mmCIF file of all heavy atoms, coordinates in Angstrom:
data_MODEL
# 
_entry.id   MODEL 
# 
loop_
_atom_site.group_PDB 
_atom_site.id 
_atom_site.type_symbol 
_atom_site.label_atom_id 
_atom_site.label_alt_id 
_atom_site.label_comp_id 
_atom_site.label_asym_id 
_atom_site.label_entity_id 
_atom_site.label_seq_id 
_atom_site.pdbx_PDB_ins_code 
_atom_site.Cartn_x 
_atom_site.Cartn_y 
_atom_site.Cartn_z 
_atom_site.occupancy 
_atom_site.B_iso_or_equiv 
_atom_site.pdbx_formal_charge 
_atom_site.auth_seq_id 
_atom_site.auth_comp_id 
_atom_site.auth_asym_id 
_atom_site.auth_atom_id 
_atom_site.pdbx_PDB_model_num 
ATOM 1   N N   . ARG A 1 1  ? 66.911 113.994 69.932 1.00 0.00 ? 1  ARG A N   1 
ATOM 2   C CA  . ARG A 1 1  ? 67.063 112.476 70.143 1.00 0.00 ? 1  ARG A CA  1 
ATOM 3   C C   . ARG A 1 1  ? 67.204 111.860 68.732 1.00 0.00 ? 1  ARG A C   1 
ATOM 4   O O   . ARG A 1 1  ? 66.499 110.883 68.459 1.00 0.00 ? 1  ARG A O   1 
ATOM 5   C CB  . ARG A 1 1  ? 65.886 111.924 70.891 1.00 0.00 ? 1  ARG A CB  1 
ATOM 6   C CG  . ARG A 1 1  ? 65.743 112.476 72.255 1.00 0.00 ? 1  ARG A CG  1 
ATOM 7   C CD  . ARG A 1 1  ? 66.731 111.955 73.250 1.00 0.00 ? 1  ARG A CD  1 
ATOM 8   N NE  . ARG A 1 1  ? 66.626 110.551 73.363 1.00 0.00 ? 1  ARG A NE  1 
ATOM 9   C CZ  . ARG A 1 1  ? 67.564 109.749 73.742 1.00 0.00 ? 1  ARG A CZ  1 
ATOM 10  N NH1 . ARG A 1 1  ? 68.742 110.265 74.129 1.00 0.00 ? 1  ARG A NH1 1 
ATOM 11  N NH2 . ARG A 1 1  ? 67.492 108.418 73.967 1.00 0.00 ? 1  ARG A NH2 1 
ATOM 12  N N   . THR A 1 2  ? 68.081 112.427 67.904 1.00 0.00 ? 2  THR A N   1 
ATOM 13  C CA  . THR A 1 2  ? 68.330 111.837 66.657 1.00 0.00 ? 2  THR A CA  1 
ATOM 14  C C   . THR A 1 2  ? 68.926 110.546 66.829 1.00 0.00 ? 2  THR A C   1 
ATOM 15  O O   . THR A 1 2  ? 69.493 110.124 67.845 1.00 0.00 ? 2  THR A O   1 
ATOM 16  C CB  . THR A 1 2  ? 69.210 112.770 65.783 1.00 0.00 ? 2  THR A CB  1 
ATOM 17  O OG1 . THR A 1 2  ? 70.460 112.830 66.362 1.00 0.00 ? 2  THR A OG1 1 
ATOM 18  C CG2 . THR A 1 2  ? 68.606 114.098 65.632 1.00 0.00 ? 2  THR A CG2 1 
ATOM 19  N N   . ARG A 1 3  ? 69.063 109.763 65.683 1.00 0.00 ? 3  ARG A N   1 
ATOM 20  C CA  . ARG A 1 3  ? 69.673 108.421 65.726 1.00 0.00 ? 3  ARG A CA  1 
ATOM 21  C C   . ARG A 1 3  ? 71.165 108.521 66.112 1.00 0.00 ? 3  ARG A C   1 
ATOM 22  O O   . ARG A 1 3  ? 71.654 107.730 66.963 1.00 0.00 ? 3  ARG A O   1 
ATOM 23  C CB  . ARG A 1 3  ? 69.571 107.754 64.356 1.00 0.00 ? 3  ARG A CB  1 
ATOM 24  C CG  . ARG A 1 3  ? 70.178 106.288 64.396 1.00 0.00 ? 3  ARG A CG  1 
ATOM 25  C CD  . ARG A 1 3  ? 70.011 105.726 62.973 1.00 0.00 ? 3  ARG A CD  1 
ATOM 26  N NE  . ARG A 1 3  ? 68.636 105.568 62.560 1.00 0.00 ? 3  ARG A NE  1 
ATOM 27  C CZ  . ARG A 1 3  ? 68.176 105.151 61.343 1.00 0.00 ? 3  ARG A CZ  1 
ATOM 28  N NH1 . ARG A 1 3  ? 69.153 104.751 60.415 1.00 0.00 ? 3  ARG A NH1 1 
ATOM 29  N NH2 . ARG A 1 3  ? 66.923 105.019 61.074 1.00 0.00 ? 3  ARG A NH2 1 
ATOM 30  N N   . SER A 1 4  ? 71.871 109.481 65.612 1.00 0.00 ? 4  SER A N   1 
ATOM 31  C CA  . SER A 1 4  ? 73.296 109.625 66.065 1.00 0.00 ? 4  SER A CA  1 
ATOM 32  C C   . SER A 1 4  ? 73.405 109.937 67.460 1.00 0.00 ? 4  SER A C   1 
ATOM 33  O O   . SER A 1 4  ? 74.415 109.471 68.184 1.00 0.00 ? 4  SER A O   1 
ATOM 34  C CB  . SER A 1 4  ? 73.933 110.707 65.135 1.00 0.00 ? 4  SER A CB  1 
ATOM 35  O OG  . SER A 1 4  ? 73.322 111.954 65.335 1.00 0.00 ? 4  SER A OG  1 
ATOM 36  N N   . ALA A 1 5  ? 72.526 110.803 68.018 1.00 0.00 ? 5  ALA A N   1 
ATOM 37  C CA  . ALA A 1 5  ? 72.645 111.180 69.430 1.00 0.00 ? 5  ALA A CA  1 
ATOM 38  C C   . ALA A 1 5  ? 72.214 109.950 70.347 1.00 0.00 ? 5  ALA A C   1 
ATOM 39  O O   . ALA A 1 5  ? 72.899 109.775 71.432 1.00 0.00 ? 5  ALA A O   1 
ATOM 40  C CB  . ALA A 1 5  ? 71.530 112.315 69.735 1.00 0.00 ? 5  ALA A CB  1 
ATOM 41  N N   . ARG A 1 6  ? 71.384 109.135 69.822 1.00 0.00 ? 6  ARG A N   1 
ATOM 42  C CA  . ARG A 1 6  ? 71.073 107.891 70.687 1.00 0.00 ? 6  ARG A CA  1 
ATOM 43  C C   . ARG A 1 6  ? 72.233 106.921 70.680 1.00 0.00 ? 6  ARG A C   1 
ATOM 44  O O   . ARG A 1 6  ? 72.549 106.232 71.610 1.00 0.00 ? 6  ARG A O   1 
ATOM 45  C CB  . ARG A 1 6  ? 69.834 107.179 70.150 1.00 0.00 ? 6  ARG A CB  1 
ATOM 46  C CG  . ARG A 1 6  ? 68.530 107.991 70.339 1.00 0.00 ? 6  ARG A CG  1 
ATOM 47  C CD  . ARG A 1 6  ? 67.283 107.124 70.167 1.00 0.00 ? 6  ARG A CD  1 
ATOM 48  N NE  . ARG A 1 6  ? 67.150 106.608 68.800 1.00 0.00 ? 6  ARG A NE  1 
ATOM 49  C CZ  . ARG A 1 6  ? 66.632 107.243 67.707 1.00 0.00 ? 6  ARG A CZ  1 
ATOM 50  N NH1 . ARG A 1 6  ? 66.045 108.426 67.860 1.00 0.00 ? 6  ARG A NH1 1 
ATOM 51  N NH2 . ARG A 1 6  ? 66.543 106.627 66.546 1.00 0.00 ? 6  ARG A NH2 1 
ATOM 52  N N   . ARG A 1 7  ? 72.893 106.784 69.505 1.00 0.00 ? 7  ARG A N   1 
ATOM 53  C CA  . ARG A 1 7  ? 74.110 105.956 69.344 1.00 0.00 ? 7  ARG A CA  1 
ATOM 54  C C   . ARG A 1 7  ? 75.235 106.478 70.258 1.00 0.00 ? 7  ARG A C   1 
ATOM 55  O O   . ARG A 1 7  ? 75.834 105.755 71.019 1.00 0.00 ? 7  ARG A O   1 
ATOM 56  C CB  . ARG A 1 7  ? 74.574 105.846 67.985 1.00 0.00 ? 7  ARG A CB  1 
ATOM 57  C CG  . ARG A 1 7  ? 73.803 104.931 67.097 1.00 0.00 ? 7  ARG A CG  1 
ATOM 58  C CD  . ARG A 1 7  ? 74.599 104.573 65.806 1.00 0.00 ? 7  ARG A CD  1 
ATOM 59  N NE  . ARG A 1 7  ? 75.049 105.628 65.123 1.00 0.00 ? 7  ARG A NE  1 
ATOM 60  C CZ  . ARG A 1 7  ? 74.310 106.175 64.017 1.00 0.00 ? 7  ARG A CZ  1 
ATOM 61  N NH1 . ARG A 1 7  ? 73.148 105.609 63.672 1.00 0.00 ? 7  ARG A NH1 1 
ATOM 62  N NH2 . ARG A 1 7  ? 74.729 107.276 63.390 1.00 0.00 ? 7  ARG A NH2 1 
ATOM 63  N N   . GLN A 1 8  ? 75.300 107.870 70.284 1.00 0.00 ? 8  GLN A N   1 
ATOM 64  C CA  . GLN A 1 8  ? 76.423 108.411 71.089 1.00 0.00 ? 8  GLN A CA  1 
ATOM 65  C C   . GLN A 1 8  ? 76.034 108.203 72.659 1.00 0.00 ? 8  GLN A C   1 
ATOM 66  O O   . GLN A 1 8  ? 76.982 107.916 73.290 1.00 0.00 ? 8  GLN A O   1 
ATOM 67  C CB  . GLN A 1 8  ? 76.307 110.007 70.883 1.00 0.00 ? 8  GLN A CB  1 
ATOM 68  C CG  . GLN A 1 8  ? 77.424 110.761 71.609 1.00 0.00 ? 8  GLN A CG  1 
ATOM 69  C CD  . GLN A 1 8  ? 78.833 110.570 70.963 1.00 0.00 ? 8  GLN A CD  1 
ATOM 70  O OE1 . GLN A 1 8  ? 79.741 110.381 71.758 1.00 0.00 ? 8  GLN A OE1 1 
ATOM 71  N NE2 . GLN A 1 8  ? 78.913 110.483 69.687 1.00 0.00 ? 8  GLN A NE2 1 
ATOM 72  N N   . GLU A 1 9  ? 74.791 108.362 72.994 1.00 0.00 ? 9  GLU A N   1 
ATOM 73  C CA  . GLU A 1 9  ? 74.523 108.196 74.449 1.00 0.00 ? 9  GLU A CA  1 
ATOM 74  C C   . GLU A 1 9  ? 74.716 106.714 74.869 1.00 0.00 ? 9  GLU A C   1 
ATOM 75  O O   . GLU A 1 9  ? 75.167 106.368 75.876 1.00 0.00 ? 9  GLU A O   1 
ATOM 76  C CB  . GLU A 1 9  ? 73.031 108.514 74.649 1.00 0.00 ? 9  GLU A CB  1 
ATOM 77  C CG  . GLU A 1 9  ? 72.760 108.387 76.174 1.00 0.00 ? 9  GLU A CG  1 
ATOM 78  C CD  . GLU A 1 9  ? 71.327 108.967 76.452 1.00 0.00 ? 9  GLU A CD  1 
ATOM 79  O OE1 . GLU A 1 9  ? 70.514 109.423 75.505 1.00 0.00 ? 9  GLU A OE1 1 
ATOM 80  O OE2 . GLU A 1 9  ? 70.924 109.094 77.582 1.00 0.00 ? 9  GLU A OE2 1 
ATOM 81  N N   . ALA A 1 10 ? 74.332 105.807 73.945 1.00 0.00 ? 10 ALA A N   1 
ATOM 82  C CA  . ALA A 1 10 ? 74.641 104.313 74.206 1.00 0.00 ? 10 ALA A CA  1 
ATOM 83  C C   . ALA A 1 10 ? 76.130 104.071 74.373 1.00 0.00 ? 10 ALA A C   1 
ATOM 84  O O   . ALA A 1 10 ? 76.512 103.259 75.237 1.00 0.00 ? 10 ALA A O   1 
ATOM 85  C CB  . ALA A 1 10 ? 74.059 103.442 73.068 1.00 0.00 ? 10 ALA A CB  1 
ATOM 86  N N   . ARG A 1 11 ? 76.967 104.729 73.562 1.00 0.00 ? 11 ARG A N   1 
ATOM 87  C CA  . ARG A 1 11 ? 78.411 104.576 73.692 1.00 0.00 ? 11 ARG A CA  1 
ATOM 88  C C   . ARG A 1 11 ? 78.928 105.029 75.013 1.00 0.00 ? 11 ARG A C   1 
ATOM 89  O O   . ARG A 1 11 ? 79.663 104.364 75.706 1.00 0.00 ? 11 ARG A O   1 
ATOM 90  C CB  . ARG A 1 11 ? 79.115 105.294 72.579 1.00 0.00 ? 11 ARG A CB  1 
ATOM 91  C CG  . ARG A 1 11 ? 80.623 104.925 72.505 1.00 0.00 ? 11 ARG A CG  1 
ATOM 92  C CD  . ARG A 1 11 ? 81.325 105.801 71.483 1.00 0.00 ? 11 ARG A CD  1 
ATOM 93  N NE  . ARG A 1 11 ? 81.380 107.184 71.872 1.00 0.00 ? 11 ARG A NE  1 
ATOM 94  C CZ  . ARG A 1 11 ? 82.266 107.667 72.726 1.00 0.00 ? 11 ARG A CZ  1 
ATOM 95  N NH1 . ARG A 1 11 ? 83.285 106.904 73.217 1.00 0.00 ? 11 ARG A NH1 1 
ATOM 96  N NH2 . ARG A 1 11 ? 82.285 108.902 73.122 1.00 0.00 ? 11 ARG A NH2 1 
ATOM 97  N N   . LEU A 1 12 ? 78.423 106.130 75.424 1.00 0.00 ? 12 LEU A N   1 
ATOM 98  C CA  . LEU A 1 12 ? 78.766 106.857 76.724 1.00 0.00 ? 12 LEU A CA  1 
ATOM 99  C C   . LEU A 1 12 ? 78.275 105.951 77.879 1.00 0.00 ? 12 LEU A C   1 
ATOM 100 O O   . LEU A 1 12 ? 79.076 105.790 78.828 1.00 0.00 ? 12 LEU A O   1 
ATOM 101 C CB  . LEU A 1 12 ? 78.270 108.264 76.815 1.00 0.00 ? 12 LEU A CB  1 
ATOM 102 C CG  . LEU A 1 12 ? 78.801 109.239 75.783 1.00 0.00 ? 12 LEU A CG  1 
ATOM 103 C CD1 . LEU A 1 12 ? 78.163 110.657 76.138 1.00 0.00 ? 12 LEU A CD1 1 
ATOM 104 C CD2 . LEU A 1 12 ? 80.218 109.358 75.886 1.00 0.00 ? 12 LEU A CD2 1 
ATOM 105 N N   . LEU A 1 13 ? 77.158 105.353 77.746 1.00 0.00 ? 13 LEU A N   1 
ATOM 106 C CA  . LEU A 1 13 ? 76.671 104.502 78.869 1.00 0.00 ? 13 LEU A CA  1 
ATOM 107 C C   . LEU A 1 13 ? 77.465 103.277 78.959 1.00 0.00 ? 13 LEU A C   1 
ATOM 108 O O   . LEU A 1 13 ? 77.727 102.835 80.113 1.00 0.00 ? 13 LEU A O   1 
ATOM 109 C CB  . LEU A 1 13 ? 75.170 104.191 78.662 1.00 0.00 ? 13 LEU A CB  1 
ATOM 110 C CG  . LEU A 1 13 ? 74.203 105.256 78.944 1.00 0.00 ? 13 LEU A CG  1 
ATOM 111 C CD1 . LEU A 1 13 ? 72.755 104.865 78.514 1.00 0.00 ? 13 LEU A CD1 1 
ATOM 112 C CD2 . LEU A 1 13 ? 74.188 105.504 80.455 1.00 0.00 ? 13 LEU A CD2 1 
ATOM 113 N N   . ASP A 1 14 ? 77.961 102.754 77.797 1.00 0.00 ? 14 ASP A N   1 
ATOM 114 C CA  . ASP A 1 14 ? 78.849 101.647 77.830 1.00 0.00 ? 14 ASP A CA  1 
ATOM 115 C C   . ASP A 1 14 ? 80.119 101.953 78.616 1.00 0.00 ? 14 ASP A C   1 
ATOM 116 O O   . ASP A 1 14 ? 80.598 101.138 79.325 1.00 0.00 ? 14 ASP A O   1 
ATOM 117 C CB  . ASP A 1 14 ? 79.128 101.127 76.396 1.00 0.00 ? 14 ASP A CB  1 
ATOM 118 C CG  . ASP A 1 14 ? 78.051 100.346 75.779 1.00 0.00 ? 14 ASP A CG  1 
ATOM 119 O OD1 . ASP A 1 14 ? 76.932 99.942  76.457 1.00 0.00 ? 14 ASP A OD1 1 
ATOM 120 O OD2 . ASP A 1 14 ? 77.983 100.252 74.521 1.00 0.00 ? 14 ASP A OD2 1 
ATOM 121 N N   . ARG A 1 15 ? 80.578 103.141 78.213 1.00 0.00 ? 15 ARG A N   1 
ATOM 122 C CA  . ARG A 1 15 ? 81.895 103.609 78.943 1.00 0.00 ? 15 ARG A CA  1 
ATOM 123 C C   . ARG A 1 15 ? 81.639 103.765 80.391 1.00 0.00 ? 15 ARG A C   1 
ATOM 124 O O   . ARG A 1 15 ? 82.461 103.306 81.220 1.00 0.00 ? 15 ARG A O   1 
ATOM 125 C CB  . ARG A 1 15 ? 82.315 104.955 78.280 1.00 0.00 ? 15 ARG A CB  1 
ATOM 126 C CG  . ARG A 1 15 ? 83.488 105.614 79.005 1.00 0.00 ? 15 ARG A CG  1 
ATOM 127 C CD  . ARG A 1 15 ? 84.673 104.798 78.906 1.00 0.00 ? 15 ARG A CD  1 
ATOM 128 N NE  . ARG A 1 15 ? 85.842 105.378 79.478 1.00 0.00 ? 15 ARG A NE  1 
ATOM 129 C CZ  . ARG A 1 15 ? 86.926 104.869 80.117 1.00 0.00 ? 15 ARG A CZ  1 
ATOM 130 N NH1 . ARG A 1 15 ? 87.062 103.498 79.970 1.00 0.00 ? 15 ARG A NH1 1 
ATOM 131 N NH2 . ARG A 1 15 ? 87.917 105.503 80.555 1.00 0.00 ? 15 ARG A NH2 1 
ATOM 132 N N   . VAL A 1 16 ? 80.549 104.360 80.795 1.00 0.00 ? 16 VAL A N   1 
ATOM 133 C CA  . VAL A 1 16 ? 80.224 104.490 82.178 1.00 0.00 ? 16 VAL A CA  1 
ATOM 134 C C   . VAL A 1 16 ? 80.164 103.133 82.873 1.00 0.00 ? 16 VAL A C   1 
ATOM 135 O O   . VAL A 1 16 ? 80.638 102.934 84.029 1.00 0.00 ? 16 VAL A O   1 
ATOM 136 C CB  . VAL A 1 16 ? 78.951 105.245 82.365 1.00 0.00 ? 16 VAL A CB  1 
ATOM 137 C CG1 . VAL A 1 16 ? 78.387 105.172 83.786 1.00 0.00 ? 16 VAL A CG1 1 
ATOM 138 C CG2 . VAL A 1 16 ? 79.081 106.731 81.973 1.00 0.00 ? 16 VAL A CG2 1 
ATOM 139 N N   . GLY A 1 17 ? 79.520 102.134 82.229 1.00 0.00 ? 17 GLY A N   1 
ATOM 140 C CA  . GLY A 1 17 ? 79.410 100.819 82.768 1.00 0.00 ? 17 GLY A CA  1 
ATOM 141 C C   . GLY A 1 17 ? 80.760 100.194 82.999 1.00 0.00 ? 17 GLY A C   1 
ATOM 142 O O   . GLY A 1 17 ? 80.974 99.543  83.989 1.00 0.00 ? 17 GLY A O   1 
ATOM 143 N N   . GLU A 1 18 ? 81.681 100.388 82.154 1.00 0.00 ? 18 GLU A N   1 
ATOM 144 C CA  . GLU A 1 18 ? 83.053 99.873  82.255 1.00 0.00 ? 18 GLU A CA  1 
ATOM 145 C C   . GLU A 1 18 ? 83.805 100.517 83.512 1.00 0.00 ? 18 GLU A C   1 
ATOM 146 O O   . GLU A 1 18 ? 84.382 99.734  84.290 1.00 0.00 ? 18 GLU A O   1 
ATOM 147 C CB  . GLU A 1 18 ? 83.926 100.254 81.050 1.00 0.00 ? 18 GLU A CB  1 
ATOM 148 C CG  . GLU A 1 18 ? 83.473 99.386  79.759 1.00 0.00 ? 18 GLU A CG  1 
ATOM 149 C CD  . GLU A 1 18 ? 84.189 99.918  78.591 1.00 0.00 ? 18 GLU A CD  1 
ATOM 150 O OE1 . GLU A 1 18 ? 84.971 100.808 78.674 1.00 0.00 ? 18 GLU A OE1 1 
ATOM 151 O OE2 . GLU A 1 18 ? 83.901 99.351  77.470 1.00 0.00 ? 18 GLU A OE2 1 
ATOM 152 N N   . ILE A 1 19 ? 83.488 101.805 83.754 1.00 0.00 ? 19 ILE A N   1 
ATOM 153 C CA  . ILE A 1 19 ? 84.208 102.424 84.911 1.00 0.00 ? 19 ILE A CA  1 
ATOM 154 C C   . ILE A 1 19 ? 83.473 102.011 86.212 1.00 0.00 ? 19 ILE A C   1 
ATOM 155 O O   . ILE A 1 19 ? 84.148 101.814 87.168 1.00 0.00 ? 19 ILE A O   1 
ATOM 156 C CB  . ILE A 1 19 ? 84.106 103.965 84.627 1.00 0.00 ? 19 ILE A CB  1 
ATOM 157 C CG1 . ILE A 1 19 ? 84.914 104.371 83.457 1.00 0.00 ? 19 ILE A CG1 1 
ATOM 158 C CG2 . ILE A 1 19 ? 84.631 104.661 85.900 1.00 0.00 ? 19 ILE A CG2 1 
ATOM 159 C CD1 . ILE A 1 19 ? 84.711 105.803 83.058 1.00 0.00 ? 19 ILE A CD1 1 
ATOM 160 N N   . VAL A 1 20 ? 82.162 101.876 86.151 1.00 0.00 ? 20 VAL A N   1 
ATOM 161 C CA  . VAL A 1 20 ? 81.416 101.388 87.256 1.00 0.00 ? 20 VAL A CA  1 
ATOM 162 C C   . VAL A 1 20 ? 81.876 99.965  87.722 1.00 0.00 ? 20 VAL A C   1 
ATOM 163 O O   . VAL A 1 20 ? 82.189 99.807  88.902 1.00 0.00 ? 20 VAL A O   1 
ATOM 164 C CB  . VAL A 1 20 ? 79.880 101.376 87.044 1.00 0.00 ? 20 VAL A CB  1 
ATOM 165 C CG1 . VAL A 1 20 ? 79.164 100.501 87.985 1.00 0.00 ? 20 VAL A CG1 1 
ATOM 166 C CG2 . VAL A 1 20 ? 79.343 102.778 87.030 1.00 0.00 ? 20 VAL A CG2 1 
ATOM 167 N N   . ASP A 1 21 ? 82.107 99.153  86.747 1.00 0.00 ? 21 ASP A N   1 
ATOM 168 C CA  . ASP A 1 21 ? 82.603 97.723  87.141 1.00 0.00 ? 21 ASP A CA  1 
ATOM 169 C C   . ASP A 1 21 ? 84.036 97.865  87.627 1.00 0.00 ? 21 ASP A C   1 
ATOM 170 O O   . ASP A 1 21 ? 84.369 97.213  88.645 1.00 0.00 ? 21 ASP A O   1 
ATOM 171 C CB  . ASP A 1 21 ? 82.584 96.988  85.791 1.00 0.00 ? 21 ASP A CB  1 
ATOM 172 C CG  . ASP A 1 21 ? 81.124 96.560  85.407 1.00 0.00 ? 21 ASP A CG  1 
ATOM 173 O OD1 . ASP A 1 21 ? 80.242 96.737  86.313 1.00 0.00 ? 21 ASP A OD1 1 
ATOM 174 O OD2 . ASP A 1 21 ? 80.982 96.152  84.260 1.00 0.00 ? 21 ASP A OD2 1 
ATOM 175 N N   . TYR A 1 22 ? 84.838 98.672  87.001 1.00 0.00 ? 22 TYR A N   1 
ATOM 176 C CA  . TYR A 1 22 ? 86.310 98.765  87.447 1.00 0.00 ? 22 TYR A CA  1 
ATOM 177 C C   . TYR A 1 22 ? 86.442 99.274  88.805 1.00 0.00 ? 22 TYR A C   1 
ATOM 178 O O   . TYR A 1 22 ? 87.228 98.727  89.541 1.00 0.00 ? 22 TYR A O   1 
ATOM 179 C CB  . TYR A 1 22 ? 87.030 99.808  86.398 1.00 0.00 ? 22 TYR A CB  1 
ATOM 180 C CG  . TYR A 1 22 ? 88.455 100.043 86.789 1.00 0.00 ? 22 TYR A CG  1 
ATOM 181 C CD1 . TYR A 1 22 ? 89.408 98.970  86.692 1.00 0.00 ? 22 TYR A CD1 1 
ATOM 182 C CD2 . TYR A 1 22 ? 88.783 101.253 87.173 1.00 0.00 ? 22 TYR A CD2 1 
ATOM 183 C CE1 . TYR A 1 22 ? 90.790 99.315  87.063 1.00 0.00 ? 22 TYR A CE1 1 
ATOM 184 C CE2 . TYR A 1 22 ? 90.200 101.581 87.552 1.00 0.00 ? 22 TYR A CE2 1 
ATOM 185 C CZ  . TYR A 1 22 ? 91.100 100.568 87.383 1.00 0.00 ? 22 TYR A CZ  1 
ATOM 186 O OH  . TYR A 1 22 ? 92.431 100.799 87.774 1.00 0.00 ? 22 TYR A OH  1 
ATOM 187 N N   . LEU A 1 23 ? 85.560 100.199 89.262 1.00 0.00 ? 23 LEU A N   1 
ATOM 188 C CA  . LEU A 1 23 ? 85.663 100.782 90.651 1.00 0.00 ? 23 LEU A CA  1 
ATOM 189 C C   . LEU A 1 23 ? 84.722 100.157 91.575 1.00 0.00 ? 23 LEU A C   1 
ATOM 190 O O   . LEU A 1 23 ? 84.644 100.686 92.803 1.00 0.00 ? 23 LEU A O   1 
ATOM 191 C CB  . LEU A 1 23 ? 85.520 102.272 90.516 1.00 0.00 ? 23 LEU A CB  1 
ATOM 192 C CG  . LEU A 1 23 ? 86.511 103.152 89.836 1.00 0.00 ? 23 LEU A CG  1 
ATOM 193 C CD1 . LEU A 1 23 ? 86.145 104.582 89.720 1.00 0.00 ? 23 LEU A CD1 1 
ATOM 194 C CD2 . LEU A 1 23 ? 87.821 102.880 90.467 1.00 0.00 ? 23 LEU A CD2 1 
ATOM 195 N N   . GLY A 1 24 ? 84.064 99.023  91.184 1.00 0.00 ? 24 GLY A N   1 
ATOM 196 C CA  . GLY A 1 24 ? 83.116 98.360  92.083 1.00 0.00 ? 24 GLY A CA  1 
ATOM 197 C C   . GLY A 1 24 ? 81.964 99.136  92.521 1.00 0.00 ? 24 GLY A C   1 
ATOM 198 O O   . GLY A 1 24 ? 81.583 98.975  93.725 1.00 0.00 ? 24 GLY A O   1 
ATOM 199 N N   . LEU A 1 25 ? 81.434 99.842  91.584 1.00 0.00 ? 25 LEU A N   1 
ATOM 200 C CA  . LEU A 1 25 ? 80.253 100.753 92.029 1.00 0.00 ? 25 LEU A CA  1 
ATOM 201 C C   . LEU A 1 25 ? 78.997 100.169 91.462 1.00 0.00 ? 25 LEU A C   1 
ATOM 202 O O   . LEU A 1 25 ? 77.871 100.879 91.504 1.00 0.00 ? 25 LEU A O   1 
ATOM 203 C CB  . LEU A 1 25 ? 80.396 102.145 91.423 1.00 0.00 ? 25 LEU A CB  1 
ATOM 204 C CG  . LEU A 1 25 ? 81.599 102.941 92.000 1.00 0.00 ? 25 LEU A CG  1 
ATOM 205 C CD1 . LEU A 1 25 ? 81.828 104.269 91.207 1.00 0.00 ? 25 LEU A CD1 1 
ATOM 206 C CD2 . LEU A 1 25 ? 81.307 103.312 93.514 1.00 0.00 ? 25 LEU A CD2 1 
ATOM 207 N N   . GLY A 1 26 ? 78.907 99.009  90.948 1.00 0.00 ? 26 GLY A N   1 
ATOM 208 C CA  . GLY A 1 26 ? 77.711 98.412  90.422 1.00 0.00 ? 26 GLY A CA  1 
ATOM 209 C C   . GLY A 1 26 ? 76.489 98.355  91.240 1.00 0.00 ? 26 GLY A C   1 
ATOM 210 O O   . GLY A 1 26 ? 75.379 98.657  90.849 1.00 0.00 ? 26 GLY A O   1 
ATOM 211 N N   . ALA A 1 27 ? 76.715 98.095  92.549 1.00 0.00 ? 27 ALA A N   1 
ATOM 212 C CA  . ALA A 1 27 ? 75.465 98.010  93.482 1.00 0.00 ? 27 ALA A CA  1 
ATOM 213 C C   . ALA A 1 27 ? 74.858 99.310  93.755 1.00 0.00 ? 27 ALA A C   1 
ATOM 214 O O   . ALA A 1 27 ? 73.675 99.308  94.270 1.00 0.00 ? 27 ALA A O   1 
ATOM 215 C CB  . ALA A 1 27 ? 76.029 97.220  94.814 1.00 0.00 ? 27 ALA A CB  1 
ATOM 216 N N   . VAL A 1 28 ? 75.659 100.396 93.497 1.00 0.00 ? 28 VAL A N   1 
ATOM 217 C CA  . VAL A 1 28 ? 75.081 101.754 93.813 1.00 0.00 ? 28 VAL A CA  1 
ATOM 218 C C   . VAL A 1 28 ? 74.848 102.574 92.541 1.00 0.00 ? 28 VAL A C   1 
ATOM 219 O O   . VAL A 1 28 ? 74.671 103.727 92.632 1.00 0.00 ? 28 VAL A O   1 
ATOM 220 C CB  . VAL A 1 28 ? 75.910 102.545 94.819 1.00 0.00 ? 28 VAL A CB  1 
ATOM 221 C CG1 . VAL A 1 28 ? 75.942 101.724 96.256 1.00 0.00 ? 28 VAL A CG1 1 
ATOM 222 C CG2 . VAL A 1 28 ? 77.374 102.732 94.292 1.00 0.00 ? 28 VAL A CG2 1 
ATOM 223 N N   . ARG A 1 29 ? 74.986 101.958 91.392 1.00 0.00 ? 29 ARG A N   1 
ATOM 224 C CA  . ARG A 1 29 ? 74.921 102.695 90.136 1.00 0.00 ? 29 ARG A CA  1 
ATOM 225 C C   . ARG A 1 29 ? 73.658 103.633 90.016 1.00 0.00 ? 29 ARG A C   1 
ATOM 226 O O   . ARG A 1 29 ? 73.931 104.669 89.503 1.00 0.00 ? 29 ARG A O   1 
ATOM 227 C CB  . ARG A 1 29 ? 74.975 101.719 88.999 1.00 0.00 ? 29 ARG A CB  1 
ATOM 228 C CG  . ARG A 1 29 ? 74.903 102.319 87.585 1.00 0.00 ? 29 ARG A CG  1 
ATOM 229 C CD  . ARG A 1 29 ? 75.172 101.346 86.503 1.00 0.00 ? 29 ARG A CD  1 
ATOM 230 N NE  . ARG A 1 29 ? 75.151 101.936 85.177 1.00 0.00 ? 29 ARG A NE  1 
ATOM 231 C CZ  . ARG A 1 29 ? 75.626 101.397 84.139 1.00 0.00 ? 29 ARG A CZ  1 
ATOM 232 N NH1 . ARG A 1 29 ? 76.199 100.093 84.171 1.00 0.00 ? 29 ARG A NH1 1 
ATOM 233 N NH2 . ARG A 1 29 ? 75.619 101.989 82.961 1.00 0.00 ? 29 ARG A NH2 1 
ATOM 234 N N   . HIS A 1 30 ? 72.580 103.184 90.495 1.00 0.00 ? 30 HIS A N   1 
ATOM 235 C CA  . HIS A 1 30 ? 71.364 103.996 90.310 1.00 0.00 ? 30 HIS A CA  1 
ATOM 236 C C   . HIS A 1 30 ? 70.968 104.778 91.698 1.00 0.00 ? 30 HIS A C   1 
ATOM 237 O O   . HIS A 1 30 ? 69.838 105.170 91.800 1.00 0.00 ? 30 HIS A O   1 
ATOM 238 C CB  . HIS A 1 30 ? 70.242 103.184 89.802 1.00 0.00 ? 30 HIS A CB  1 
ATOM 239 C CG  . HIS A 1 30 ? 70.585 102.583 88.442 1.00 0.00 ? 30 HIS A CG  1 
ATOM 240 N ND1 . HIS A 1 30 ? 70.750 103.305 87.257 1.00 0.00 ? 30 HIS A ND1 1 
ATOM 241 C CD2 . HIS A 1 30 ? 70.857 101.272 88.132 1.00 0.00 ? 30 HIS A CD2 1 
ATOM 242 C CE1 . HIS A 1 30 ? 71.028 102.551 86.345 1.00 0.00 ? 30 HIS A CE1 1 
ATOM 243 N NE2 . HIS A 1 30 ? 71.095 101.323 86.705 1.00 0.00 ? 30 HIS A NE2 1 
# 
């Protein structure tokens, strides 16, 4: 869980969030 790994995971989560919004999956994300 280095700093670079945490930054990388945050970037991926942002990307996932964009796709979730694009496909209308926000209500079932979790």
